[in-house]
Amino acid sequence: MTIDTNTVVSMTEANQNFSKVTRVVDAYGSAVIFKNNAPRYLVIDFSRADKIETASTQAVLASSSKMMKIYNDAFKDLAK
């Protein structure tokens, strides 16, 4: 995942000034909160939540379908 440096907020700053986090989300659509110099939390606009969840669901379904095809014989043996 690529992180726009304009959307990065430290955990300390988010705790002390959450309105800054919301301004970043309003301007860019999301904010990434860093904790211990690593991305930890993603804050997104609520209207975008369904789109992100749908993309994630599609990726999981595609991956599971691929695994079912590759390991079909093993799954049949386990079902016995």
PDB file of N, CA and C in Angstrom:
ATOM      1  N   MET A   1       0.844  -1.174   0.000  1.00  0.00           N
ATOM      2  CA  MET A   1       0.000   0.000   0.000  1.00  0.00           C
ATOM      3  C   MET A   1       0.888   1.236   0.000  1.00  0.00           C
ATOM      4  N   THR A   2       0.605   2.150  -0.887  1.00  0.00           N
ATOM      5  CA  THR A   2       1.344   3.396  -0.964  1.00  0.00           C
ATOM      6  C   THR A   2       0.691   4.417  -0.029  1.00  0.00           C
ATOM      7  N   ILE A   3       1.516   5.109   0.745  1.00  0.00           N
ATOM      8  CA  ILE A   3       1.013   6.097   1.700  1.00  0.00           C
ATOM      9  C   ILE A   3       1.455   7.481   1.256  1.00  0.00           C
ATOM     10  N   ASP A   4       0.488   8.360   1.073  1.00  0.00           N
ATOM     11  CA  ASP A   4       0.763   9.754   0.739  1.00  0.00           C
ATOM     12  C   ASP A   4       1.271  10.442   2.005  1.00  0.00           C
ATOM     13  N   THR A   5       2.424  11.064   1.928  1.00  0.00           N
ATOM     14  CA  THR A   5       3.010  11.699   3.119  1.00  0.00           C
ATOM     15  C   THR A   5       2.133  12.821   3.663  1.00  0.00           C
ATOM     16  N   ASN A   6       1.246  13.357   2.843  1.00  0.00           N
ATOM     17  CA  ASN A   6       0.330  14.397   3.322  1.00  0.00           C
ATOM     18  C   ASN A   6      -0.733  13.846   4.264  1.00  0.00           C
ATOM     19  N   THR A   7      -0.922  12.544   4.272  1.00  0.00           N
ATOM     20  CA  THR A   7      -1.969  11.935   5.096  1.00  0.00           C
ATOM     21  C   THR A   7      -1.438  11.317   6.384  1.00  0.00           C
ATOM     22  N   VAL A   8      -0.153  11.451   6.646  1.00  0.00           N
ATOM     23  CA  VAL A   8       0.462  10.837   7.826  1.00  0.00           C
ATOM     24  C   VAL A   8       0.300  11.741   9.046  1.00  0.00           C
ATOM     25  N   VAL A   9      -0.158  11.149  10.147  1.00  0.00           N
ATOM     26  CA  VAL A   9      -0.304  11.842  11.422  1.00  0.00           C
ATOM     27  C   VAL A   9       0.280  10.930  12.493  1.00  0.00           C
ATOM     28  N   SER A  10       1.036  11.495  13.425  1.00  0.00           N
ATOM     29  CA  SER A  10       1.598  10.675  14.502  1.00  0.00           C
ATOM     30  C   SER A  10       0.514  10.337  15.524  1.00  0.00           C
ATOM     31  N   MET A  11       0.731   9.282  16.269  1.00  0.00           N
ATOM     32  CA  MET A  11      -0.220   8.873  17.302  1.00  0.00           C
ATOM     33  C   MET A  11      -0.366   9.972  18.353  1.00  0.00           C
ATOM     34  N   THR A  12       0.728  10.576  18.731  1.00  0.00           N
ATOM     35  CA  THR A  12       0.681  11.655  19.726  1.00  0.00           C
ATOM     36  C   THR A  12      -0.174  12.806  19.226  1.00  0.00           C
ATOM     37  N   GLU A  13       0.052  13.195  17.988  1.00  0.00           N
ATOM     38  CA  GLU A  13      -0.711  14.296  17.418  1.00  0.00           C
ATOM     39  C   GLU A  13      -2.190  13.937  17.283  1.00  0.00           C
ATOM     40  N   ALA A  14      -2.478  12.698  16.911  1.00  0.00           N
ATOM     41  CA  ALA A  14      -3.867  12.262  16.794  1.00  0.00           C
ATOM     42  C   ALA A  14      -4.565  12.293  18.150  1.00  0.00           C
ATOM     43  N   ASN A  15      -3.854  11.904  19.203  1.00  0.00           N
ATOM     44  CA  ASN A  15      -4.426  11.943  20.551  1.00  0.00           C
ATOM     45  C   ASN A  15      -4.686  13.368  21.014  1.00  0.00           C
ATOM     46  N   GLN A  16      -3.774  14.251  20.723  1.00  0.00           N
ATOM     47  CA  GLN A  16      -3.877  15.623  21.210  1.00  0.00           C
ATOM     48  C   GLN A  16      -4.736  16.510  20.319  1.00  0.00           C
ATOM     49  N   ASN A  17      -4.856  16.167  19.042  1.00  0.00           N
ATOM     50  CA  ASN A  17      -5.534  17.043  18.098  1.00  0.00           C
ATOM     51  C   ASN A  17      -6.266  16.209  17.049  1.00  0.00           C
ATOM     52  N   PHE A  18      -7.323  15.504  17.466  1.00  0.00           N
ATOM     53  CA  PHE A  18      -8.027  14.636  16.537  1.00  0.00           C
ATOM     54  C   PHE A  18      -8.691  15.429  15.414  1.00  0.00           C
ATOM     55  N   SER A  19      -8.989  16.687  15.653  1.00  0.00           N
ATOM     56  CA  SER A  19      -9.594  17.490  14.593  1.00  0.00           C
ATOM     57  C   SER A  19      -8.636  17.624  13.405  1.00  0.00           C
ATOM     58  N   LYS A  20      -7.326  17.535  13.646  1.00  0.00           N
ATOM     59  CA  LYS A  20      -6.367  17.561  12.531  1.00  0.00           C
ATOM     60  C   LYS A  20      -6.544  16.304  11.680  1.00  0.00           C
ATOM     61  N   VAL A  21      -6.748  15.171  12.327  1.00  0.00           N
ATOM     62  CA  VAL A  21      -6.963  13.916  11.602  1.00  0.00           C
ATOM     63  C   VAL A  21      -8.203  14.042  10.715  1.00  0.00           C
ATOM     64  N   THR A  22      -9.270  14.599  11.261  1.00  0.00           N
ATOM     65  CA  THR A  22     -10.494  14.733  10.468  1.00  0.00           C
ATOM     66  C   THR A  22     -10.311  15.715   9.314  1.00  0.00           C
ATOM     67  N   ARG A  23      -9.517  16.760   9.509  1.00  0.00           N
ATOM     68  CA  ARG A  23      -9.243  17.693   8.407  1.00  0.00           C
ATOM     69  C   ARG A  23      -8.456  16.994   7.301  1.00  0.00           C
ATOM     70  N   VAL A  24      -7.505  16.142   7.669  1.00  0.00           N
ATOM     71  CA  VAL A  24      -6.735  15.389   6.679  1.00  0.00           C
ATOM     72  C   VAL A  24      -7.659  14.449   5.906  1.00  0.00           C
ATOM     73  N   VAL A  25      -8.552  13.765   6.610  1.00  0.00           N
ATOM     74  CA  VAL A  25      -9.498  12.859   5.955  1.00  0.00           C
ATOM     75  C   VAL A  25     -10.411  13.640   5.018  1.00  0.00           C
ATOM     76  N   ASP A  26     -10.877  14.793   5.456  1.00  0.00           N
ATOM     77  CA  ASP A  26     -11.734  15.610   4.592  1.00  0.00           C
ATOM     78  C   ASP A  26     -10.994  16.054   3.329  1.00  0.00           C
ATOM     79  N   ALA A  27      -9.715  16.368   3.465  1.00  0.00           N
ATOM     80  CA  ALA A  27      -8.937  16.868   2.326  1.00  0.00           C
ATOM     81  C   ALA A  27      -8.487  15.756   1.382  1.00  0.00           C
ATOM     82  N   TYR A  28      -8.076  14.602   1.933  1.00  0.00           N
ATOM     83  CA  TYR A  28      -7.467  13.549   1.117  1.00  0.00           C
ATOM     84  C   TYR A  28      -8.263  12.248   1.055  1.00  0.00           C
ATOM     85  N   GLY A  29      -9.320  12.132   1.850  1.00  0.00           N
ATOM     86  CA  GLY A  29     -10.122  10.910   1.837  1.00  0.00           C
ATOM     87  C   GLY A  29      -9.707   9.891   2.873  1.00  0.00           C
ATOM     88  N   SER A  30      -8.483  10.011   3.394  1.00  0.00           N
ATOM     89  CA  SER A  30      -8.025   9.089   4.434  1.00  0.00           C
ATOM     90  C   SER A  30      -6.845   9.706   5.177  1.00  0.00           C
ATOM     91  N   ALA A  31      -6.563   9.139   6.343  1.00  0.00           N
ATOM     92  CA  ALA A  31      -5.392   9.536   7.120  1.00  0.00           C
ATOM     93  C   ALA A  31      -4.766   8.271   7.680  1.00  0.00           C
ATOM     94  N   VAL A  32      -3.441   8.258   7.753  1.00  0.00           N
ATOM     95  CA  VAL A  32      -2.724   7.118   8.313  1.00  0.00           C
ATOM     96  C   VAL A  32      -2.077   7.584   9.610  1.00  0.00           C
ATOM     97  N   ILE A  33      -2.404   6.898  10.697  1.00  0.00           N
ATOM     98  CA  ILE A  33      -1.826   7.244  11.983  1.00  0.00           C
ATOM     99  C   ILE A  33      -0.655   6.307  12.249  1.00  0.00           C
ATOM    100  N   PHE A  34       0.507   6.906  12.472  1.00  0.00           N
ATOM    101  CA  PHE A  34       1.723   6.143  12.742  1.00  0.00           C
ATOM    102  C   PHE A  34       1.920   5.991  14.246  1.00  0.00           C
ATOM    103  N   LYS A  35       2.325   4.804  14.665  1.00  0.00           N
ATOM    104  CA  LYS A  35       2.678   4.538  16.056  1.00  0.00           C
ATOM    105  C   LYS A  35       4.035   3.854  16.040  1.00  0.00           C
ATOM    106  N   ASN A  36       4.985   4.392  16.790  1.00  0.00           N
ATOM    107  CA  ASN A  36       6.358   3.871  16.811  1.00  0.00           C
ATOM    108  C   ASN A  36       6.969   3.828  15.415  1.00  0.00           C
ATOM    109  N   ASN A  37       6.761   4.897  14.670  1.00  0.00           N
ATOM    110  CA  ASN A  37       7.324   5.065  13.327  1.00  0.00           C
ATOM    111  C   ASN A  37       6.872   4.019  12.318  1.00  0.00           C
ATOM    112  N   ALA A  38       5.705   3.467  12.520  1.00  0.00           N
ATOM    113  CA  ALA A  38       5.158   2.489  11.579  1.00  0.00           C
ATOM    114  C   ALA A  38       3.667   2.772  11.397  1.00  0.00           C
ATOM    115  N   PRO A  39       3.126   2.570  10.192  1.00  0.00           N
ATOM    116  CA  PRO A  39       1.693   2.788   9.995  1.00  0.00           C
ATOM    117  C   PRO A  39       0.890   1.809  10.831  1.00  0.00           C
ATOM    118  N   ARG A  40      -0.060   2.335  11.600  1.00  0.00           N
ATOM    119  CA  ARG A  40      -0.808   1.481  12.521  1.00  0.00           C
ATOM    120  C   ARG A  40      -2.317   1.530  12.263  1.00  0.00           C
ATOM    121  N   TYR A  41      -2.838   2.726  11.993  1.00  0.00           N
ATOM    122  CA  TYR A  41      -4.280   2.884  11.820  1.00  0.00           C
ATOM    123  C   TYR A  41      -4.579   3.646  10.543  1.00  0.00           C
ATOM    124  N   LEU A  42      -5.683   3.268   9.899  1.00  0.00           N
ATOM    125  CA  LEU A  42      -6.162   3.954   8.714  1.00  0.00           C
ATOM    126  C   LEU A  42      -7.529   4.528   9.046  1.00  0.00           C
ATOM    127  N   VAL A  43      -7.682   5.833   8.919  1.00  0.00           N
ATOM    128  CA  VAL A  43      -8.957   6.498   9.155  1.00  0.00           C
ATOM    129  C   VAL A  43      -9.476   6.931   7.792  1.00  0.00           C
ATOM    130  N   ILE A  44     -10.703   6.499   7.466  1.00  0.00           N
ATOM    131  CA  ILE A  44     -11.267   6.831   6.157  1.00  0.00           C
ATOM    132  C   ILE A  44     -12.612   7.514   6.325  1.00  0.00           C
ATOM    133  N   ASP A  45     -13.025   8.211   5.289  1.00  0.00           N
ATOM    134  CA  ASP A  45     -14.348   8.809   5.247  1.00  0.00           C
ATOM    135  C   ASP A  45     -15.369   7.671   5.224  1.00  0.00           C
ATOM    136  N   PHE A  46     -16.420   7.792   6.015  1.00  0.00           N
ATOM    137  CA  PHE A  46     -17.401   6.713   6.155  1.00  0.00           C
ATOM    138  C   PHE A  46     -18.021   6.319   4.822  1.00  0.00           C
ATOM    139  N   SER A  47     -18.207   7.270   3.929  1.00  0.00           N
ATOM    140  CA  SER A  47     -18.832   6.965   2.639  1.00  0.00           C
ATOM    141  C   SER A  47     -17.955   6.055   1.784  1.00  0.00           C
ATOM    142  N   ARG A  48     -16.667   5.961   2.068  1.00  0.00           N
ATOM    143  CA  ARG A  48     -15.764   5.100   1.310  1.00  0.00           C
ATOM    144  C   ARG A  48     -15.651   3.700   1.896  1.00  0.00           C
ATOM    145  N   ALA A  49     -16.219   3.460   3.060  1.00  0.00           N
ATOM    146  CA  ALA A  49     -16.067   2.179   3.757  1.00  0.00           C
ATOM    147  C   ALA A  49     -16.588   1.009   2.938  1.00  0.00           C
ATOM    148  N   ASP A  50     -17.751   1.144   2.325  1.00  0.00           N
ATOM    149  CA  ASP A  50     -18.319   0.045   1.541  1.00  0.00           C
ATOM    150  C   ASP A  50     -17.449  -0.306   0.350  1.00  0.00           C
ATOM    151  N   LYS A  51     -16.864   0.691  -0.296  1.00  0.00           N
ATOM    152  CA  LYS A  51     -16.029   0.437  -1.461  1.00  0.00           C
ATOM    153  C   LYS A  51     -14.783  -0.344  -1.075  1.00  0.00           C
ATOM    154  N   ILE A  52     -14.180  -0.008   0.035  1.00  0.00           N
ATOM    155  CA  ILE A  52     -12.973  -0.709   0.485  1.00  0.00           C
ATOM    156  C   ILE A  52     -13.320  -2.131   0.901  1.00  0.00           C
ATOM    157  N   GLU A  53     -14.421  -2.299   1.604  1.00  0.00           N
ATOM    158  CA  GLU A  53     -14.831  -3.629   2.029  1.00  0.00           C
ATOM    159  C   GLU A  53     -15.144  -4.518   0.838  1.00  0.00           C
ATOM    160  N   THR A  54     -15.811  -3.981  -0.182  1.00  0.00           N
ATOM    161  CA  THR A  54     -16.157  -4.750  -1.369  1.00  0.00           C
ATOM    162  C   THR A  54     -14.901  -5.216  -2.098  1.00  0.00           C
ATOM    163  N   ALA A  55     -13.933  -4.329  -2.255  1.00  0.00           N
ATOM    164  CA  ALA A  55     -12.694  -4.706  -2.928  1.00  0.00           C
ATOM    165  C   ALA A  55     -11.989  -5.808  -2.149  1.00  0.00           C
ATOM    166  N   SER A  56     -11.964  -5.691  -0.851  1.00  0.00           N
ATOM    167  CA  SER A  56     -11.326  -6.688  -0.011  1.00  0.00           C
ATOM    168  C   SER A  56     -12.053  -8.029  -0.123  1.00  0.00           C
ATOM    169  N   THR A  57     -13.374  -8.010  -0.125  1.00  0.00           N
ATOM    170  CA  THR A  57     -14.162  -9.228  -0.237  1.00  0.00           C
ATOM    171  C   THR A  57     -13.907  -9.915  -1.573  1.00  0.00           C
ATOM    172  N   GLN A  58     -13.852  -9.136  -2.641  1.00  0.00           N
ATOM    173  CA  GLN A  58     -13.590  -9.701  -3.960  1.00  0.00           C
ATOM    174  C   GLN A  58     -12.217 -10.357  -4.017  1.00  0.00           C
ATOM    175  N   ALA A  59     -11.220  -9.739  -3.411  1.00  0.00           N
ATOM    176  CA  ALA A  59      -9.875 -10.302  -3.408  1.00  0.00           C
ATOM    177  C   ALA A  59      -9.848 -11.617  -2.647  1.00  0.00           C
ATOM    178  N   VAL A  60     -10.544 -11.677  -1.531  1.00  0.00           N
ATOM    179  CA  VAL A  60     -10.589 -12.913  -0.735  1.00  0.00           C
ATOM    180  C   VAL A  60     -11.297 -14.018  -1.503  1.00  0.00           C
ATOM    181  N   LEU A  61     -12.408 -13.693  -2.147  1.00  0.00           N
ATOM    182  CA  LEU A  61     -13.140 -14.701  -2.912  1.00  0.00           C
ATOM    183  C   LEU A  61     -12.325 -15.216  -4.092  1.00  0.00           C
ATOM    184  N   ALA A  62     -11.620 -14.328  -4.778  1.00  0.00           N
ATOM    185  CA  ALA A  62     -10.785 -14.749  -5.903  1.00  0.00           C
ATOM    186  C   ALA A  62      -9.663 -15.652  -5.429  1.00  0.00           C
ATOM    187  N   SER A  63      -9.047 -15.289  -4.317  1.00  0.00           N
ATOM    188  CA  SER A  63      -7.954 -16.088  -3.772  1.00  0.00           C
ATOM    189  C   SER A  63      -8.444 -17.460  -3.312  1.00  0.00           C
ATOM    190  N   SER A  64      -9.577 -17.494  -2.620  1.00  0.00           N
ATOM    191  CA  SER A  64     -10.093 -18.777  -2.140  1.00  0.00           C
ATOM    192  C   SER A  64     -10.518 -19.672  -3.302  1.00  0.00           C
ATOM    193  N   SER A  65     -11.068 -19.084  -4.352  1.00  0.00           N
ATOM    194  CA  SER A  65     -11.448 -19.863  -5.531  1.00  0.00           C
ATOM    195  C   SER A  65     -10.217 -20.484  -6.180  1.00  0.00           C
ATOM    196  N   LYS A  66      -9.151 -19.714  -6.260  1.00  0.00           N
ATOM    197  CA  LYS A  66      -7.904 -20.220  -6.834  1.00  0.00           C
ATOM    198  C   LYS A  66      -7.349 -21.376  -6.002  1.00  0.00           C
ATOM    199  N   MET A  67      -7.387 -21.221  -4.676  1.00  0.00           N
ATOM    200  CA  MET A  67      -6.891 -22.284  -3.792  1.00  0.00           C
ATOM    201  C   MET A  67      -7.739 -23.541  -3.906  1.00  0.00           C
ATOM    202  N   MET A  68      -9.051 -23.371  -4.052  1.00  0.00           N
ATOM    203  CA  MET A  68      -9.930 -24.532  -4.186  1.00  0.00           C
ATOM    204  C   MET A  68      -9.592 -25.319  -5.458  1.00  0.00           C
ATOM    205  N   LYS A  69      -9.268 -24.612  -6.536  1.00  0.00           N
ATOM    206  CA  LYS A  69      -8.911 -25.284  -7.785  1.00  0.00           C
ATOM    207  C   LYS A  69      -7.569 -26.003  -7.650  1.00  0.00           C
ATOM    208  N   ILE A  70      -6.608 -25.353  -7.043  1.00  0.00           N
ATOM    209  CA  ILE A  70      -5.266 -25.935  -6.917  1.00  0.00           C
ATOM    210  C   ILE A  70      -5.283 -27.168  -6.012  1.00  0.00           C
ATOM    211  N   TYR A  71      -6.002 -27.079  -4.889  1.00  0.00           N
ATOM    212  CA  TYR A  71      -5.975 -28.147  -3.888  1.00  0.00           C
ATOM    213  C   TYR A  71      -7.284 -28.928  -3.846  1.00  0.00           C
ATOM    214  N   ASN A  72      -7.974 -29.030  -4.980  1.00  0.00           N
ATOM    215  CA  ASN A  72      -9.261 -29.695  -5.039  1.00  0.00           C
ATOM    216  C   ASN A  72      -9.179 -31.143  -4.556  1.00  0.00           C
ATOM    217  N   ASP A  73      -8.165 -31.883  -5.005  1.00  0.00           N
ATOM    218  CA  ASP A  73      -8.025 -33.289  -4.586  1.00  0.00           C
ATOM    219  C   ASP A  73      -7.826 -33.415  -3.079  1.00  0.00           C
ATOM    220  N   ALA A  74      -7.014 -32.547  -2.523  1.00  0.00           N
ATOM    221  CA  ALA A  74      -6.773 -32.599  -1.075  1.00  0.00           C
ATOM    222  C   ALA A  74      -8.057 -32.302  -0.294  1.00  0.00           C
ATOM    223  N   PHE A  75      -8.837 -31.332  -0.762  1.00  0.00           N
ATOM    224  CA  PHE A  75     -10.096 -31.018  -0.079  1.00  0.00           C
ATOM    225  C   PHE A  75     -11.072 -32.183  -0.171  1.00  0.00           C
ATOM    226  N   LYS A  76     -11.090 -32.877  -1.311  1.00  0.00           N
ATOM    227  CA  LYS A  76     -11.963 -34.047  -1.450  1.00  0.00           C
ATOM    228  C   LYS A  76     -11.554 -35.145  -0.476  1.00  0.00           C
ATOM    229  N   ASP A  77     -10.239 -35.359  -0.331  1.00  0.00           N
ATOM    230  CA  ASP A  77      -9.743 -36.374   0.619  1.00  0.00           C
ATOM    231  C   ASP A  77     -10.105 -35.996   2.052  1.00  0.00           C
ATOM    232  N   LEU A  78      -9.993 -34.734   2.384  1.00  0.00           N
ATOM    233  CA  LEU A  78     -10.345 -34.280   3.742  1.00  0.00           C
ATOM    234  C   LEU A  78     -11.838 -34.402   4.017  1.00  0.00           C
ATOM    235  N   ALA A  79     -12.656 -34.302   2.989  1.00  0.00           N
ATOM    236  CA  ALA A  79     -14.104 -34.376   3.158  1.00  0.00           C
ATOM    237  C   ALA A  79     -14.583 -35.796   3.440  1.00  0.00           C
ATOM    238  N   LYS A  80     -13.759 -36.791   3.148  1.00  0.00           N
ATOM    239  CA  LYS A  80     -14.161 -38.194   3.343  1.00  0.00           C
ATOM    240  C   LYS A  80     -14.313 -38.533   4.804  1.00  0.00           C
TER     241      LYS A  80
END
